[in-house]
Amino acid sequence: MITALNMTVPLKQDPESLAKLQKLKEVFADHIQPEIDRALRKSRIVHFARVLVIHDKFLQVITEFDGDPEEYTEFFRRELPHVFKPIFELAEGAPDWDHLNDQDTFFEASKRLNVKALGRSEDGREEQGWLFSYFPRTVREIEEALAGSGGEAGNGGEPQTGHGGEPQAGNGRADSAAAAAALHAAAAAFTAAAAAFTAAASKQG
């Protein structure tokens, strides 16, 4: 079951905090993004992830992931405390990191900041709102399916080989191409949705 995180953090507006926010934006690509990327790949449960700053008033962490939200939150709290600490130091009304850096406290804080999507949940989780998923499979199921059909998953991107090191030419090649096309379509849909959200937020601002 895929779960959406729409964590939306209201940002402090004093000059010192805004200056720190500008610095965070400047260093994000070279220093913060690689750390988040490492943790995301290690988790093997996250389909998509992005971080947005909206008009310097809100910071959003938006992801789609598999499994239990509390286990997800705890994994990233343990993996990325050095990333979350400077973010929550910029958050309006947030307690200090020493208080937040606890399994239950961090989960409750992330729950409060998780904005419910518009619409009705299709799987009964009304706190989630509506989430469309074109390809309702877990990350690990996708990896296993692609690896089993000779796709580039689960082995560092290397093709599966048979005896003598020759690539396997199983009957799953067409299925693999169809699965890859479906994944690309899902990625395009999520990218378009994120772009539409950002554009709408800009117009409202």
C-alpha atoms as a PDB file:
ATOM      1  CA  MET A   1       0.000   0.000   0.000  1.00  0.00           C
ATOM      2  CA  ILE A   2       1.431   3.352  -1.050  1.00  0.00           C
ATOM      3  CA  THR A   3       1.254   6.240   1.424  1.00  0.00           C
ATOM      4  CA  ALA A   4       1.732   9.931   0.698  1.00  0.00           C
ATOM      5  CA  LEU A   5       3.655  12.335   2.907  1.00  0.00           C
ATOM      6  CA  ASN A   6       2.855  16.030   2.408  1.00  0.00           C
ATOM      7  CA  MET A   7       4.885  17.418   5.306  1.00  0.00           C
ATOM      8  CA  THR A   8       4.421  21.197   5.235  1.00  0.00           C
ATOM      9  CA  VAL A   9       6.560  23.233   7.624  1.00  0.00           C
ATOM     10  CA  PRO A  10       5.676  26.909   8.273  1.00  0.00           C
ATOM     11  CA  LEU A  11       8.900  28.911   8.321  1.00  0.00           C
ATOM     12  CA  LYS A  12      10.013  31.662  10.662  1.00  0.00           C
ATOM     13  CA  GLN A  13       9.996  35.086   9.021  1.00  0.00           C
ATOM     14  CA  ASP A  14      12.582  36.988  11.095  1.00  0.00           C
ATOM     15  CA  PRO A  15      15.647  38.243   9.145  1.00  0.00           C
ATOM     16  CA  GLU A  16      18.088  35.800  10.775  1.00  0.00           C
ATOM     17  CA  SER A  17      15.927  32.753   9.977  1.00  0.00           C
ATOM     18  CA  LEU A  18      15.334  33.910   6.399  1.00  0.00           C
ATOM     19  CA  ALA A  19      19.085  34.320   5.925  1.00  0.00           C
ATOM     20  CA  LYS A  20      19.609  30.753   7.176  1.00  0.00           C
ATOM     21  CA  LEU A  21      16.921  29.577   4.763  1.00  0.00           C
ATOM     22  CA  GLN A  22      18.730  31.186   1.825  1.00  0.00           C
ATOM     23  CA  LYS A  23      21.920  29.413   2.881  1.00  0.00           C
ATOM     24  CA  LEU A  24      20.060  26.098   3.099  1.00  0.00           C
ATOM     25  CA  LYS A  25      18.768  26.583  -0.453  1.00  0.00           C
ATOM     26  CA  GLU A  26      22.275  27.417  -1.687  1.00  0.00           C
ATOM     27  CA  VAL A  27      23.888  24.273  -0.247  1.00  0.00           C
ATOM     28  CA  PHE A  28      20.981  21.872  -0.788  1.00  0.00           C
ATOM     29  CA  ALA A  29      22.024  20.401  -4.154  1.00  0.00           C
ATOM     30  CA  ASP A  30      25.656  19.743  -3.232  1.00  0.00           C
ATOM     31  CA  HIS A  31      25.404  18.804   0.445  1.00  0.00           C
ATOM     32  CA  ILE A  32      21.860  17.934   1.544  1.00  0.00           C
ATOM     33  CA  GLN A  33      20.440  16.241  -1.543  1.00  0.00           C
ATOM     34  CA  PRO A  34      23.160  13.535  -1.656  1.00  0.00           C
ATOM     35  CA  GLU A  35      22.493  12.652   1.988  1.00  0.00           C
ATOM     36  CA  ILE A  36      18.755  12.362   1.407  1.00  0.00           C
ATOM     37  CA  ASP A  37      19.365  10.372  -1.791  1.00  0.00           C
ATOM     38  CA  ARG A  38      21.569   7.918   0.109  1.00  0.00           C
ATOM     39  CA  ALA A  39      18.924   7.354   2.792  1.00  0.00           C
ATOM     40  CA  LEU A  40      16.122   7.004   0.228  1.00  0.00           C
ATOM     41  CA  ARG A  41      18.024   4.317  -1.668  1.00  0.00           C
ATOM     42  CA  LYS A  42      18.906   2.513   1.551  1.00  0.00           C
ATOM     43  CA  SER A  43      15.257   2.429   2.639  1.00  0.00           C
ATOM     44  CA  ARG A  44      14.013   0.651  -0.523  1.00  0.00           C
ATOM     45  CA  ILE A  45      10.469   1.802   0.242  1.00  0.00           C
ATOM     46  CA  VAL A  46      10.246   5.293  -1.315  1.00  0.00           C
ATOM     47  CA  HIS A  47       8.870   5.709  -4.848  1.00  0.00           C
ATOM     48  CA  PHE A  48       9.264   9.472  -5.264  1.00  0.00           C
ATOM     49  CA  ALA A  49      10.603  12.319  -3.127  1.00  0.00           C
ATOM     50  CA  ARG A  50      11.082  16.060  -3.477  1.00  0.00           C
ATOM     51  CA  VAL A  51      11.667  19.083  -1.248  1.00  0.00           C
ATOM     52  CA  LEU A  52      10.085  22.468  -1.993  1.00  0.00           C
ATOM     53  CA  VAL A  53      10.359  25.944  -0.507  1.00  0.00           C
ATOM     54  CA  ILE A  54       7.229  27.998  -1.282  1.00  0.00           C
ATOM     55  CA  HIS A  55       7.736  31.781  -1.277  1.00  0.00           C
ATOM     56  CA  ASP A  56      10.136  31.396   1.688  1.00  0.00           C
ATOM     57  CA  LYS A  57       7.072  30.813   3.890  1.00  0.00           C
ATOM     58  CA  PHE A  58       6.708  27.031   3.782  1.00  0.00           C
ATOM     59  CA  LEU A  59       9.077  24.093   3.316  1.00  0.00           C
ATOM     60  CA  GLN A  60       7.534  20.904   1.999  1.00  0.00           C
ATOM     61  CA  VAL A  61       8.837  17.351   2.039  1.00  0.00           C
ATOM     62  CA  ILE A  62       6.666  15.322  -0.340  1.00  0.00           C
ATOM     63  CA  THR A  63       7.121  11.582  -0.764  1.00  0.00           C
ATOM     64  CA  GLU A  64       5.214   8.444  -1.754  1.00  0.00           C
ATOM     65  CA  PHE A  65       6.311   5.372   0.171  1.00  0.00           C
ATOM     66  CA  ASP A  66       5.406   1.789   1.093  1.00  0.00           C
ATOM     67  CA  GLY A  67       4.419   0.527   4.494  1.00  0.00           C
ATOM     68  CA  ASP A  68       3.751   1.917   7.946  1.00  0.00           C
ATOM     69  CA  PRO A  69       4.110   5.716   8.399  1.00  0.00           C
ATOM     70  CA  GLU A  70       5.617   5.385  11.881  1.00  0.00           C
ATOM     71  CA  GLU A  71       8.308   2.938  10.713  1.00  0.00           C
ATOM     72  CA  TYR A  72       9.016   5.221   7.740  1.00  0.00           C
ATOM     73  CA  THR A  73       9.353   8.284   9.967  1.00  0.00           C
ATOM     74  CA  GLU A  74      11.607   6.521  12.444  1.00  0.00           C
ATOM     75  CA  PHE A  75      13.913   5.217   9.702  1.00  0.00           C
ATOM     76  CA  PHE A  76      14.551   8.715   8.369  1.00  0.00           C
ATOM     77  CA  ARG A  77      14.835  10.279  11.839  1.00  0.00           C
ATOM     78  CA  ARG A  78      17.662   7.846  12.598  1.00  0.00           C
ATOM     79  CA  GLU A  79      19.283   8.192   9.168  1.00  0.00           C
ATOM     80  CA  LEU A  80      19.042  11.984   8.726  1.00  0.00           C
ATOM     81  CA  PRO A  81      19.121  13.828  12.070  1.00  0.00           C
ATOM     82  CA  HIS A  82      21.734  16.224  10.633  1.00  0.00           C
ATOM     83  CA  VAL A  83      19.261  17.125   7.863  1.00  0.00           C
ATOM     84  CA  PHE A  84      16.129  17.470   9.979  1.00  0.00           C
ATOM     85  CA  LYS A  85      17.786  19.529  12.722  1.00  0.00           C
ATOM     86  CA  PRO A  86      18.465  22.657  10.577  1.00  0.00           C
ATOM     87  CA  ILE A  87      15.034  22.333   8.942  1.00  0.00           C
ATOM     88  CA  PHE A  88      13.166  22.267  12.246  1.00  0.00           C
ATOM     89  CA  GLU A  89      15.318  25.103  13.593  1.00  0.00           C
ATOM     90  CA  LEU A  90      13.676  27.219  10.862  1.00  0.00           C
ATOM     91  CA  ALA A  91      10.153  25.985  11.661  1.00  0.00           C
ATOM     92  CA  GLU A  92       7.682  28.372  13.246  1.00  0.00           C
ATOM     93  CA  GLY A  93       6.527  27.136  16.650  1.00  0.00           C
ATOM     94  CA  ALA A  94       8.605  23.938  16.613  1.00  0.00           C
ATOM     95  CA  PRO A  95      10.280  22.717  19.825  1.00  0.00           C
ATOM     96  CA  ASP A  96      14.067  22.445  19.852  1.00  0.00           C
ATOM     97  CA  TRP A  97      15.675  19.454  18.153  1.00  0.00           C
ATOM     98  CA  ASP A  98      16.757  17.803  21.422  1.00  0.00           C
ATOM     99  CA  HIS A  99      13.076  17.465  22.275  1.00  0.00           C
ATOM    100  CA  LEU A 100      12.004  16.441  18.769  1.00  0.00           C
ATOM    101  CA  ASN A 101      14.760  13.857  18.337  1.00  0.00           C
ATOM    102  CA  ASP A 102      12.713  11.046  19.853  1.00  0.00           C
ATOM    103  CA  GLN A 103      10.741   8.323  18.081  1.00  0.00           C
ATOM    104  CA  ASP A 104       7.282   9.209  19.402  1.00  0.00           C
ATOM    105  CA  THR A 105       7.756  12.982  19.468  1.00  0.00           C
ATOM    106  CA  PHE A 106       9.136  13.127  15.931  1.00  0.00           C
ATOM    107  CA  PHE A 107       6.338  10.945  14.577  1.00  0.00           C
ATOM    108  CA  GLU A 108       3.661  13.090  16.239  1.00  0.00           C
ATOM    109  CA  ALA A 109       5.292  16.260  14.870  1.00  0.00           C
ATOM    110  CA  SER A 110       5.428  14.825  11.344  1.00  0.00           C
ATOM    111  CA  LYS A 111       1.761  13.776  11.642  1.00  0.00           C
ATOM    112  CA  ARG A 112       0.709  17.290  12.619  1.00  0.00           C
ATOM    113  CA  LEU A 113       2.641  18.774   9.690  1.00  0.00           C
ATOM    114  CA  ASN A 114       1.305  16.269   7.155  1.00  0.00           C
ATOM    115  CA  VAL A 115      -1.337  18.121   5.120  1.00  0.00           C
ATOM    116  CA  LYS A 116      -4.272  15.964   4.039  1.00  0.00           C
ATOM    117  CA  ALA A 117      -4.803  15.863   0.297  1.00  0.00           C
ATOM    118  CA  LEU A 118      -8.110  16.956  -1.179  1.00  0.00           C
ATOM    119  CA  GLY A 119     -10.601  14.285  -2.113  1.00  0.00           C
ATOM    120  CA  ARG A 120     -11.573  10.873  -0.706  1.00  0.00           C
ATOM    121  CA  SER A 121      -9.166   8.046   0.048  1.00  0.00           C
ATOM    122  CA  GLU A 122      -9.776   4.990  -2.135  1.00  0.00           C
ATOM    123  CA  ASP A 123      -8.482   2.562   0.505  1.00  0.00           C
ATOM    124  CA  GLY A 124     -10.332   3.817   3.599  1.00  0.00           C
ATOM    125  CA  ARG A 125      -7.512   5.917   5.069  1.00  0.00           C
ATOM    126  CA  GLU A 126      -9.465   9.153   5.340  1.00  0.00           C
ATOM    127  CA  GLU A 127      -6.567  10.983   7.019  1.00  0.00           C
ATOM    128  CA  GLN A 128      -4.695  10.641   3.709  1.00  0.00           C
ATOM    129  CA  GLY A 129      -7.202  12.126   1.279  1.00  0.00           C
ATOM    130  CA  TRP A 130      -6.986  11.108  -2.392  1.00  0.00           C
ATOM    131  CA  LEU A 131      -3.841   9.546  -3.842  1.00  0.00           C
ATOM    132  CA  PHE A 132      -3.767   8.221  -7.407  1.00  0.00           C
ATOM    133  CA  SER A 133      -1.333   5.411  -8.152  1.00  0.00           C
ATOM    134  CA  TYR A 134      -1.058   4.121 -11.718  1.00  0.00           C
ATOM    135  CA  PHE A 135       1.266   1.289 -10.711  1.00  0.00           C
ATOM    136  CA  PRO A 136       0.202  -0.020  -7.263  1.00  0.00           C
ATOM    137  CA  ARG A 137       3.254  -2.135  -6.426  1.00  0.00           C
ATOM    138  CA  THR A 138       5.853  -1.734  -3.695  1.00  0.00           C
ATOM    139  CA  VAL A 139       9.399  -0.675  -4.522  1.00  0.00           C
ATOM    140  CA  ARG A 140      10.683  -4.142  -3.655  1.00  0.00           C
ATOM    141  CA  GLU A 141       8.044  -5.845  -5.807  1.00  0.00           C
ATOM    142  CA  ILE A 142       9.064  -3.640  -8.727  1.00  0.00           C
ATOM    143  CA  GLU A 143      12.747  -4.442  -8.152  1.00  0.00           C
ATOM    144  CA  GLU A 144      12.034  -8.177  -8.012  1.00  0.00           C
ATOM    145  CA  ALA A 145       9.855  -8.093 -11.122  1.00  0.00           C
ATOM    146  CA  LEU A 146      12.453  -6.201 -13.134  1.00  0.00           C
ATOM    147  CA  ALA A 147      15.302  -8.387 -11.881  1.00  0.00           C
ATOM    148  CA  GLY A 148      13.365 -11.558 -12.712  1.00  0.00           C
ATOM    149  CA  SER A 149      12.692 -10.399 -16.267  1.00  0.00           C
ATOM    150  CA  GLY A 150      16.228  -9.214 -16.992  1.00  0.00           C
ATOM    151  CA  GLY A 151      15.600  -5.585 -16.049  1.00  0.00           C
ATOM    152  CA  GLU A 152      18.053  -3.281 -14.296  1.00  0.00           C
ATOM    153  CA  ALA A 153      17.027  -3.665 -10.693  1.00  0.00           C
ATOM    154  CA  GLY A 154      18.377  -5.238  -7.528  1.00  0.00           C
ATOM    155  CA  ASN A 155      21.904  -5.792  -8.843  1.00  0.00           C
ATOM    156  CA  GLY A 156      23.348  -2.347  -9.392  1.00  0.00           C
ATOM    157  CA  GLY A 157      21.898  -1.995 -12.876  1.00  0.00           C
ATOM    158  CA  GLU A 158      23.728  -5.002 -14.371  1.00  0.00           C
ATOM    159  CA  PRO A 159      21.724  -7.340 -16.624  1.00  0.00           C
ATOM    160  CA  GLN A 160      21.026 -10.857 -15.387  1.00  0.00           C
ATOM    161  CA  THR A 161      23.379 -13.440 -16.880  1.00  0.00           C
ATOM    162  CA  GLY A 162      23.273 -17.172 -17.451  1.00  0.00           C
ATOM    163  CA  HIS A 163      26.048 -19.779 -17.819  1.00  0.00           C
ATOM    164  CA  GLY A 164      29.214 -18.407 -19.379  1.00  0.00           C
ATOM    165  CA  GLY A 165      28.323 -14.835 -18.452  1.00  0.00           C
ATOM    166  CA  GLU A 166      25.916 -14.432 -21.388  1.00  0.00           C
ATOM    167  CA  PRO A 167      22.849 -12.233 -20.768  1.00  0.00           C
ATOM    168  CA  GLN A 168      19.680 -14.230 -20.221  1.00  0.00           C
ATOM    169  CA  ALA A 169      17.124 -13.842 -22.993  1.00  0.00           C
ATOM    170  CA  GLY A 170      14.040 -15.014 -21.138  1.00  0.00           C
ATOM    171  CA  ASN A 171      10.445 -14.691 -22.257  1.00  0.00           C
ATOM    172  CA  GLY A 172       9.877 -11.774 -19.884  1.00  0.00           C
ATOM    173  CA  ARG A 173      11.488  -9.148 -22.139  1.00  0.00           C
ATOM    174  CA  ALA A 174       8.138  -7.805 -23.410  1.00  0.00           C
ATOM    175  CA  ASP A 175       6.717  -7.768 -19.887  1.00  0.00           C
ATOM    176  CA  SER A 176       9.815  -5.900 -18.698  1.00  0.00           C
ATOM    177  CA  ALA A 177       9.363  -3.266 -21.407  1.00  0.00           C
ATOM    178  CA  ALA A 178       5.692  -2.870 -20.471  1.00  0.00           C
ATOM    179  CA  ALA A 179       6.578  -2.527 -16.795  1.00  0.00           C
ATOM    180  CA  ALA A 180       9.242   0.050 -17.575  1.00  0.00           C
ATOM    181  CA  ALA A 181       6.775   2.018 -19.713  1.00  0.00           C
ATOM    182  CA  ALA A 182       4.240   1.947 -16.875  1.00  0.00           C
ATOM    183  CA  LEU A 183       6.848   3.184 -14.411  1.00  0.00           C
ATOM    184  CA  HIS A 184       7.837   6.041 -16.723  1.00  0.00           C
ATOM    185  CA  ALA A 185       4.169   6.985 -17.119  1.00  0.00           C
ATOM    186  CA  ALA A 186       3.707   7.010 -13.345  1.00  0.00           C
ATOM    187  CA  ALA A 187       6.821   9.138 -12.881  1.00  0.00           C
ATOM    188  CA  ALA A 188       5.576  11.603 -15.496  1.00  0.00           C
ATOM    189  CA  ALA A 189       2.186  11.811 -13.782  1.00  0.00           C
ATOM    190  CA  PHE A 190       3.723  12.582 -10.398  1.00  0.00           C
ATOM    191  CA  THR A 191       6.088  15.145 -11.917  1.00  0.00           C
ATOM    192  CA  ALA A 192       3.195  16.884 -13.666  1.00  0.00           C
ATOM    193  CA  ALA A 193       1.175  16.915 -10.430  1.00  0.00           C
ATOM    194  CA  ALA A 194       4.070  18.461  -8.505  1.00  0.00           C
ATOM    195  CA  ALA A 195       4.533  21.122 -11.198  1.00  0.00           C
ATOM    196  CA  ALA A 196       0.822  21.929 -11.178  1.00  0.00           C
ATOM    197  CA  PHE A 197       0.828  22.257  -7.395  1.00  0.00           C
ATOM    198  CA  THR A 198       3.811  24.621  -7.472  1.00  0.00           C
ATOM    199  CA  ALA A 199       2.223  26.725 -10.203  1.00  0.00           C
ATOM    200  CA  ALA A 200      -1.048  26.965  -8.274  1.00  0.00           C
ATOM    201  CA  ALA A 201       0.795  27.961  -5.097  1.00  0.00           C
ATOM    202  CA  SER A 202       2.657  30.681  -7.014  1.00  0.00           C
ATOM    203  CA  LYS A 203      -0.609  32.127  -8.362  1.00  0.00           C
ATOM    204  CA  GLN A 204      -2.139  32.150  -4.870  1.00  0.00           C
ATOM    205  CA  GLY A 205       0.927  34.000  -3.580  1.00  0.00           C
END
